[in-house]
Amino acid sequence: MIFDLFIVWNPSPEIFTIPGIDWPVRWYGLTWAMAFIASHFILNKVFKAEGRTNQALDTLTLYIILGTVIGARLGHCLFYGPLFDTVDAQGELISQGYLSHPLNILKVYEGGLASHGGAFGIITAMILYCRKTKENWLWLFDKLVIVVPLASMFIRIGNLINGEIVGNKTNLPWGFIFKNNDEDKYNLQNFGIQIPARHPAQLYEAIFYFLLFGVMYWLWKNKRNNLGAGFMFGLMCVVLFLQRFLVEFIKENQEAFENNLPINMGQILSIPFILIGVFFIWRSYKLAAKKINQHQ
């Protein structure tokens, strides 16, 4: 059978259900928790090496958690919508819009988190943290981007377990058959009917993020005294979001309205981050050159 060529992927998104209150504990929530725990562990080593206190890191962690979750949720609601209720020709409600029902924005447990919104949220949280603590914001940006790819890796693993944000159809032998995604979409009731195999785009991204984390950590460990302020932040923005822009070409659009766009929403939102990254790389070289001239 053709299925023998591919990887059938159909894990349960739930680890277990809490007895008595019927509240499911999901792998996706666990991967988010692991993202924050792993990031805190690495940043603890960085902060100690750079002479910062545990209290400073604990305060920063709180800011980042709030910024990430709030930003990712608002990003999903605003960028992917729908913003207002949609109805059919008979006036029957098809889907609820977030601005029509603002309380739905709070329903994070139903899913719907956008990585670009999370990035905006992290940057906003860092700026607020620096204003409160008087920390050098460029120093902080350069340190935080060490763990951003690591956290992104865990989140993409959560997406993989959920069978969401899937890739386009493929005949490659490592293609995944996302049964929990495509059986519902195509109303396929039994495994005997051919289900399309897809690029495991979440896995591609997770592997890339892990490698990028290794590069960023190596740069901090071995080259931090030779790099201009803002260079690591700029490099991470360019590399991570350029990868995101490119991988979108082999991913299905998340929302129907994206089918009418020349490039999808993920690619549109990646462009500003790439440009910001280029600016900070250029700026870091200018600052480094200025420092050299001052010492001559």
Protein backbone atom coordinates (compact mmCIF):
# COMPACT_ATOMS: atom_id res chain seq x y z
CA MET A 1 0.00 0.00 0.00
CA ILE A 2 1.05 3.56 -0.64
CA PHE A 3 0.83 4.24 3.11
CA ASP A 4 3.89 2.06 3.65
CA LEU A 5 6.03 4.76 2.04
CA PHE A 6 5.09 7.41 4.55
CA ILE A 7 4.92 8.06 8.29
CA VAL A 8 1.40 7.76 9.66
CA TRP A 9 1.01 10.41 12.35
CA ASN A 10 -1.97 10.22 14.65
CA PRO A 11 -0.97 10.81 18.32
CA SER A 12 -3.50 11.98 20.87
CA PRO A 13 -2.99 15.67 21.70
CA GLU A 14 -4.02 14.88 25.31
CA ILE A 15 -1.67 13.35 27.88
CA PHE A 16 -4.42 12.67 30.41
CA THR A 17 -7.57 14.24 31.81
CA ILE A 18 -7.68 15.54 35.37
CA PRO A 19 -10.29 13.43 37.19
CA GLY A 20 -13.35 15.16 38.60
CA ILE A 21 -13.12 18.36 36.54
CA ASP A 22 -12.76 16.79 33.08
CA TRP A 23 -9.84 19.12 32.24
CA PRO A 24 -7.45 17.67 29.62
CA VAL A 25 -3.69 18.14 30.01
CA ARG A 26 -2.28 18.53 26.51
CA TRP A 27 1.14 17.90 25.01
CA TYR A 28 1.01 21.40 23.48
CA GLY A 29 0.77 23.00 26.90
CA LEU A 30 3.63 20.82 28.12
CA THR A 31 5.86 21.89 25.23
CA TRP A 32 5.17 25.53 26.06
CA ALA A 33 6.11 24.87 29.68
CA MET A 34 9.29 23.08 28.56
CA ALA A 35 10.12 26.07 26.33
CA PHE A 36 10.03 28.44 29.31
CA ILE A 37 11.88 26.04 31.64
CA ALA A 38 14.68 25.34 29.14
CA SER A 39 15.02 29.04 28.31
CA HIS A 40 15.24 29.94 32.00
CA PHE A 41 17.93 27.27 32.53
CA ILE A 42 20.11 28.61 29.69
CA LEU A 43 19.57 32.25 30.60
CA ASN A 44 20.53 31.47 34.18
CA LYS A 45 23.97 30.38 32.94
CA VAL A 46 24.21 33.49 30.75
CA PHE A 47 23.18 35.88 33.51
CA LYS A 48 25.65 34.36 35.98
CA ALA A 49 28.49 34.59 33.47
CA GLU A 50 27.59 38.24 32.77
CA GLY A 51 27.30 39.23 36.44
CA ARG A 52 23.51 39.55 36.69
CA THR A 53 21.46 38.30 39.65
CA ASN A 54 18.91 35.51 39.91
CA GLN A 55 16.32 38.06 40.96
CA ALA A 56 16.87 39.99 37.73
CA LEU A 57 16.36 36.82 35.71
CA ASP A 58 13.22 35.84 37.65
CA THR A 59 11.72 39.27 37.01
CA LEU A 60 12.65 39.09 33.33
CA THR A 61 11.13 35.60 33.05
CA LEU A 62 7.79 36.86 34.35
CA TYR A 63 7.82 39.71 31.81
CA ILE A 64 8.70 37.32 28.98
CA ILE A 65 6.03 34.74 29.85
CA LEU A 66 3.32 37.41 29.96
CA GLY A 67 4.61 39.14 26.83
CA THR A 68 4.83 35.88 24.88
CA VAL A 69 1.39 34.55 25.75
CA ILE A 70 -0.44 37.89 25.43
CA GLY A 71 1.38 38.81 22.23
CA ALA A 72 0.90 35.37 20.64
CA ARG A 73 -2.81 35.36 21.46
CA LEU A 74 -3.46 38.91 20.26
CA GLY A 75 -1.37 38.20 17.17
CA HIS A 76 -3.55 35.22 16.29
CA CYS A 77 -6.76 37.17 16.90
CA LEU A 78 -5.70 40.27 14.93
CA PHE A 79 -3.66 38.72 12.12
CA TYR A 80 -5.64 35.55 11.45
CA GLY A 81 -9.08 36.48 12.80
CA PRO A 82 -11.87 36.51 11.98
CA LEU A 83 -12.31 39.93 13.57
CA PHE A 84 -16.08 40.05 13.14
CA ASP A 85 -18.85 37.45 12.92
CA THR A 86 -19.23 35.76 9.55
CA VAL A 87 -22.64 34.58 8.36
CA ASP A 88 -23.92 32.63 5.37
CA ALA A 89 -26.45 33.80 2.78
CA GLN A 90 -29.31 32.80 5.08
CA GLY A 91 -27.91 34.85 7.93
CA GLU A 92 -26.78 31.82 9.92
CA LEU A 93 -23.64 32.31 12.00
CA ILE A 94 -20.61 30.52 10.51
CA SER A 95 -17.91 31.69 12.92
CA GLN A 96 -17.58 34.19 15.73
CA GLY A 97 -15.27 37.17 15.33
CA TYR A 98 -12.92 38.18 18.10
CA LEU A 99 -13.97 41.84 18.07
CA SER A 100 -17.63 40.85 17.97
CA HIS A 101 -17.04 38.64 21.03
CA PRO A 102 -14.01 40.11 22.86
CA LEU A 103 -14.17 37.56 25.68
CA ASN A 104 -13.21 34.89 23.15
CA ILE A 105 -9.75 36.48 23.05
CA LEU A 106 -9.22 35.15 26.57
CA LYS A 107 -9.92 31.54 25.53
CA VAL A 108 -6.29 30.60 25.04
CA TYR A 109 -7.09 27.04 26.06
CA GLU A 110 -9.04 26.62 22.81
CA GLY A 111 -5.84 27.18 20.81
CA GLY A 112 -4.76 29.99 18.54
CA LEU A 113 -1.31 31.46 19.20
CA ALA A 114 0.72 33.27 16.52
CA SER A 115 4.52 33.19 16.68
CA HIS A 116 4.86 36.64 15.10
CA GLY A 117 2.53 38.06 17.73
CA GLY A 118 4.65 36.32 20.35
CA ALA A 119 7.75 38.02 18.92
CA PHE A 120 6.09 41.44 19.15
CA GLY A 121 5.00 40.60 22.70
CA ILE A 122 8.53 39.59 23.74
CA ILE A 123 10.03 42.79 22.35
CA THR A 124 7.39 44.88 24.12
CA ALA A 125 7.98 43.02 27.40
CA MET A 126 11.74 43.52 27.13
CA ILE A 127 11.35 47.25 26.53
CA LEU A 128 9.08 47.55 29.60
CA TYR A 129 11.55 45.50 31.64
CA CYS A 130 14.45 47.73 30.61
CA ARG A 131 12.52 50.88 31.48
CA LYS A 132 11.76 49.50 34.93
CA THR A 133 15.21 48.08 35.72
CA LYS A 134 17.41 50.52 33.70
CA GLU A 135 19.02 47.50 32.05
CA ASN A 136 20.87 48.13 28.78
CA TRP A 137 18.32 47.06 26.20
CA LEU A 138 20.83 46.08 23.52
CA TRP A 139 22.67 43.87 26.00
CA LEU A 140 19.39 42.22 26.95
CA PHE A 141 18.22 41.74 23.36
CA ASP A 142 21.52 40.06 22.48
CA LYS A 143 21.18 37.65 25.38
CA LEU A 144 17.53 36.78 25.02
CA VAL A 145 17.86 35.77 21.36
CA ILE A 146 20.12 32.93 22.48
CA VAL A 147 17.08 31.05 23.78
CA VAL A 148 14.39 32.24 21.37
CA PRO A 149 15.21 29.47 18.85
CA LEU A 150 15.26 26.89 21.65
CA ALA A 151 11.80 27.90 22.83
CA SER A 152 10.56 27.94 19.23
CA MET A 153 11.77 24.37 18.78
CA PHE A 154 9.64 23.13 21.68
CA ILE A 155 6.57 24.98 20.40
CA ARG A 156 6.92 23.51 16.91
CA ILE A 157 7.15 20.03 18.46
CA GLY A 158 3.82 20.83 20.13
CA ASN A 159 2.40 21.80 16.73
CA LEU A 160 3.66 18.49 15.31
CA ILE A 161 1.95 16.48 18.05
CA ASN A 162 -1.28 18.39 17.40
CA GLY A 163 -0.97 17.74 13.65
CA GLU A 164 -1.44 21.45 12.94
CA ILE A 165 0.35 23.97 10.70
CA VAL A 166 0.92 21.14 8.23
CA GLY A 167 2.96 21.19 5.04
CA ASN A 168 1.82 20.83 1.46
CA LYS A 169 1.30 17.42 -0.13
CA THR A 170 4.46 15.47 -0.98
CA ASN A 171 5.58 12.14 -2.40
CA LEU A 172 8.82 12.16 -0.42
CA PRO A 173 9.29 9.03 1.73
CA TRP A 174 9.53 11.07 4.94
CA GLY A 175 6.15 12.68 4.32
CA PHE A 176 3.70 12.53 7.23
CA ILE A 177 0.09 11.40 6.94
CA PHE A 178 -1.66 13.65 9.46
CA LYS A 179 -4.75 11.55 10.09
CA ASN A 180 -6.17 13.84 12.76
CA ASN A 181 -5.92 16.75 10.29
CA ASP A 182 -6.85 15.34 6.90
CA GLU A 183 -9.45 12.74 7.90
CA ASP A 184 -11.63 15.53 9.28
CA LYS A 185 -10.89 17.86 6.36
CA TYR A 186 -11.77 15.34 3.68
CA ASN A 187 -14.36 13.36 5.67
CA LEU A 188 -12.33 10.20 5.28
CA GLN A 189 -13.91 7.64 7.56
CA ASN A 190 -11.56 4.72 7.23
CA PHE A 191 -7.87 4.15 6.72
CA GLY A 192 -8.47 2.32 3.45
CA ILE A 193 -9.07 5.60 1.64
CA GLN A 194 -5.91 7.34 0.53
CA ILE A 195 -4.96 10.27 2.75
CA PRO A 196 -2.37 12.67 1.31
CA ALA A 197 1.11 12.68 2.79
CA ARG A 198 2.48 16.11 3.68
CA HIS A 199 5.76 17.80 4.43
CA PRO A 200 6.35 17.69 8.20
CA ALA A 201 6.96 21.43 8.14
CA GLN A 202 6.78 21.63 11.94
CA LEU A 203 9.64 19.12 12.18
CA TYR A 204 11.69 20.99 9.58
CA GLU A 205 11.33 24.15 11.64
CA ALA A 206 12.05 22.41 14.95
CA ILE A 207 15.33 20.97 13.60
CA PHE A 208 16.31 24.34 12.15
CA TYR A 209 15.56 26.14 15.43
CA PHE A 210 17.67 23.64 17.38
CA LEU A 211 20.63 24.23 15.04
CA LEU A 212 20.14 28.01 15.25
CA PHE A 213 20.11 27.80 19.04
CA GLY A 214 23.46 25.96 18.86
CA VAL A 215 24.91 28.72 16.68
CA MET A 216 23.64 31.52 18.91
CA TYR A 217 24.90 29.85 22.07
CA TRP A 218 28.31 29.23 20.48
CA LEU A 219 28.56 32.88 19.41
CA TRP A 220 27.78 34.05 22.93
CA LYS A 221 30.15 31.53 24.50
CA ASN A 222 33.12 32.20 22.21
CA LYS A 223 32.66 35.50 20.40
CA ARG A 224 30.62 37.79 22.61
CA ASN A 225 33.51 40.16 23.34
CA ASN A 226 34.18 40.58 19.63
CA LEU A 227 30.64 41.29 18.48
CA GLY A 228 29.08 44.73 18.34
CA ALA A 229 26.02 45.50 20.47
CA GLY A 230 22.87 44.37 18.71
CA PHE A 231 24.63 42.01 16.30
CA MET A 232 23.24 38.80 17.79
CA PHE A 233 19.74 40.25 17.92
CA GLY A 234 19.98 41.31 14.29
CA LEU A 235 21.43 37.99 13.18
CA MET A 236 18.70 36.00 14.90
CA CYS A 237 15.96 38.16 13.33
CA VAL A 238 17.38 37.79 9.83
CA VAL A 239 18.11 34.05 9.97
CA LEU A 240 15.03 32.92 11.89
CA PHE A 241 12.49 34.95 9.95
CA LEU A 242 14.14 34.35 6.59
CA GLN A 243 13.76 30.64 7.33
CA ARG A 244 10.15 31.27 8.32
CA PHE A 245 9.55 33.17 5.06
CA LEU A 246 10.99 30.34 2.97
CA VAL A 247 9.36 27.41 4.78
CA GLU A 248 5.94 29.00 4.24
CA PHE A 249 6.22 28.04 0.55
CA ILE A 250 5.80 24.37 1.53
CA LYS A 251 3.12 24.94 4.18
CA GLU A 252 -0.63 25.11 3.85
CA ASN A 253 -2.17 28.49 4.50
CA GLN A 254 -3.70 28.62 7.97
CA GLU A 255 -6.72 30.71 6.97
CA ALA A 256 -8.79 30.80 3.77
CA PHE A 257 -8.27 34.54 3.18
CA GLU A 258 -4.54 33.89 2.67
CA ASN A 259 -5.31 32.04 -0.57
CA ASN A 260 -6.07 35.40 -2.19
CA LEU A 261 -2.78 37.01 -1.11
CA PRO A 262 0.43 37.00 -3.21
CA ILE A 263 2.28 35.70 -0.14
CA ASN A 264 0.68 34.41 3.04
CA MET A 265 0.35 36.17 6.38
CA GLY A 266 3.33 34.39 7.93
CA GLN A 267 5.55 35.69 5.12
CA ILE A 268 4.14 39.22 5.28
CA LEU A 269 4.79 39.38 9.03
CA SER A 270 8.32 38.00 8.61
CA ILE A 271 9.49 40.83 6.33
CA PRO A 272 9.57 43.57 9.02
CA PHE A 273 11.64 41.34 11.32
CA ILE A 274 14.13 40.59 8.54
CA LEU A 275 14.51 44.32 7.84
CA ILE A 276 14.88 45.09 11.55
CA GLY A 277 17.57 42.42 11.75
CA VAL A 278 19.49 43.88 8.81
CA PHE A 279 19.36 47.30 10.43
CA PHE A 280 20.75 46.03 13.75
CA ILE A 281 23.56 44.12 12.04
CA TRP A 282 24.50 47.28 10.12
CA ARG A 283 24.21 49.34 13.30
CA SER A 284 26.44 46.94 15.26
CA TYR A 285 29.18 47.29 12.64
CA LYS A 286 28.87 51.08 12.74
CA LEU A 287 29.16 51.11 16.53
CA ALA A 288 32.14 48.75 16.43
CA ALA A 289 33.90 50.88 13.81
CA LYS A 290 33.25 54.02 15.85
CA LYS A 291 34.72 52.40 18.97
CA ILE A 292 37.84 51.37 17.04
CA ASN A 293 38.31 54.91 15.71
CA GLN A 294 37.98 56.36 19.20
CA HIS A 295 40.83 54.16 20.45
CA GLN A 296 43.18 55.02 17.60
